[in-house]
Protein backbone atom coordinates (compact mmCIF):
# COMPACT_ATOMS: atom_id res chain seq x y z
CA MET A 1 1.53 281.70 -31.54
CA ARG A 2 -0.77 284.25 -32.72
CA GLY A 3 -3.88 282.68 -34.66
CA ARG A 4 -3.27 279.06 -33.13
CA THR A 5 -5.69 277.00 -31.12
CA LEU A 6 -4.20 274.28 -29.00
CA SER A 7 -6.89 271.56 -28.64
CA ASN A 8 -6.43 268.17 -26.89
CA ALA A 9 -3.11 269.51 -25.43
CA PHE A 10 -1.58 269.71 -21.96
CA VAL A 11 0.61 272.80 -22.27
CA ILE A 12 3.13 274.29 -19.55
CA LEU A 13 4.38 277.83 -19.54
CA ASP A 14 7.52 277.98 -17.39
CA GLU A 15 8.83 280.97 -16.05
CA GLY A 16 5.40 283.05 -16.33
CA GLN A 17 6.76 285.73 -14.26
CA ASN A 18 8.80 286.96 -17.00
CA THR A 19 6.04 287.25 -19.56
CA SER A 20 4.39 290.54 -20.35
CA VAL A 21 0.75 291.01 -19.84
CA ASN A 22 0.24 290.83 -23.69
CA GLN A 23 2.28 287.62 -23.92
CA LEU A 24 0.47 285.85 -21.08
CA LYS A 25 -2.90 286.95 -22.60
CA MET A 26 -1.94 285.57 -26.00
CA PHE A 27 -0.76 282.28 -24.55
CA LEU A 28 -3.95 281.76 -22.55
CA THR A 29 -6.43 282.65 -25.22
CA ARG A 30 -4.88 279.91 -27.40
CA MET A 31 -6.67 277.36 -25.11
CA GLY A 32 -8.75 275.00 -27.19
CA HIS A 33 -11.17 272.21 -26.42
CA ASN A 34 -10.15 269.52 -24.04
CA SER A 35 -6.89 271.12 -23.11
CA LYS A 36 -5.35 272.19 -19.90
CA PHE A 37 -2.77 274.98 -19.54
CA ILE A 38 -0.42 275.39 -16.74
CA VAL A 39 1.62 278.52 -15.95
CA THR A 40 4.43 278.17 -13.43
CA GLY A 41 6.36 281.13 -12.00
CA ASP A 42 7.94 282.62 -9.16
CA ILE A 43 6.83 286.24 -8.59
CA THR A 44 9.67 286.93 -6.34
CA GLN A 45 12.14 286.45 -9.24
CA ILE A 46 10.61 288.66 -11.83
CA ASP A 47 13.30 289.81 -14.28
CA LEU A 48 11.28 292.41 -16.32
CA PRO A 49 12.55 295.91 -16.01
CA ASN A 50 9.34 297.00 -14.20
CA LYS A 51 7.98 294.22 -12.08
CA ARG A 52 4.39 295.43 -12.29
CA ASP A 53 4.64 294.58 -15.96
CA SER A 54 4.50 290.94 -15.20
CA GLY A 55 1.68 289.05 -17.03
CA LEU A 56 1.78 286.44 -14.31
CA VAL A 57 1.10 288.96 -11.51
CA GLN A 58 -1.91 290.58 -13.53
CA ALA A 59 -3.29 287.36 -14.41
CA MET A 60 -3.23 286.07 -10.76
CA ASN A 61 -5.45 289.21 -9.67
CA LEU A 62 -7.50 289.27 -12.85
CA LEU A 63 -8.67 285.68 -13.20
CA GLN A 64 -9.36 284.86 -9.43
CA GLY A 65 -12.71 283.42 -8.80
CA ILE A 66 -13.25 282.31 -12.32
CA GLU A 67 -14.56 278.70 -12.34
CA GLY A 68 -12.21 276.25 -13.70
CA ILE A 69 -9.06 278.56 -12.95
CA SER A 70 -7.08 277.78 -9.98
CA VAL A 71 -3.83 279.24 -8.41
CA VAL A 72 -1.64 277.30 -6.31
CA GLU A 73 0.98 279.25 -4.28
CA PHE A 74 4.07 277.53 -2.77
CA ASP A 75 6.21 278.75 0.03
CA GLU A 76 9.41 277.63 2.04
CA ARG A 77 7.63 274.49 3.19
CA ASP A 78 7.29 273.13 -0.17
CA ILE A 79 11.03 273.38 -1.16
CA VAL A 80 12.39 269.85 -1.86
CA ARG A 81 15.94 270.99 -2.84
CA HIS A 82 19.05 270.53 -0.69
CA ARG A 83 17.96 271.26 2.99
CA LEU A 84 19.88 274.62 3.11
CA VAL A 85 17.66 276.09 0.35
CA LYS A 86 14.97 276.62 2.84
CA HIS A 87 17.28 278.55 5.14
CA ILE A 88 18.42 280.75 2.27
CA VAL A 89 14.86 281.44 1.26
CA ASP A 90 13.92 282.25 4.81
CA ALA A 91 17.11 284.56 5.03
CA TYR A 92 16.07 286.57 2.14
CA ASN A 93 12.41 286.82 2.94
CA LYS A 94 13.43 288.37 6.38
CA LYS A 95 15.72 290.79 4.46
CA ASP A 96 12.83 291.88 2.09
CA THR A 97 10.55 292.18 4.98
CA LYS A 98 12.87 294.34 6.88
CA GLU A 99 13.61 296.52 3.82
CA SER A 100 9.91 296.82 3.06
CA LYS A 101 9.28 298.28 6.74
CA GLU A 102 12.09 300.87 6.35
């Protein structure tokens, strides 16, 4: 991707939580005129060896407040899969909350 400019494009990067800081920066800086870039990801499912190295986590913090950039965060109320998935997510969230307090 290095050296490319994506103009007149609608580009989706999926699983953004597993990009490095440099990878996400390279992706975001390829945006050309009349383009829209979407980055999706779940910061609770980072597969990198060090979760703090997630490009998505850094970008969400670094780019907040810039006009034209929006962050939309979903929670268990937005789950549209099997009805049990909401209960599964809730159970894991409760476990994680309990462990973080210990």
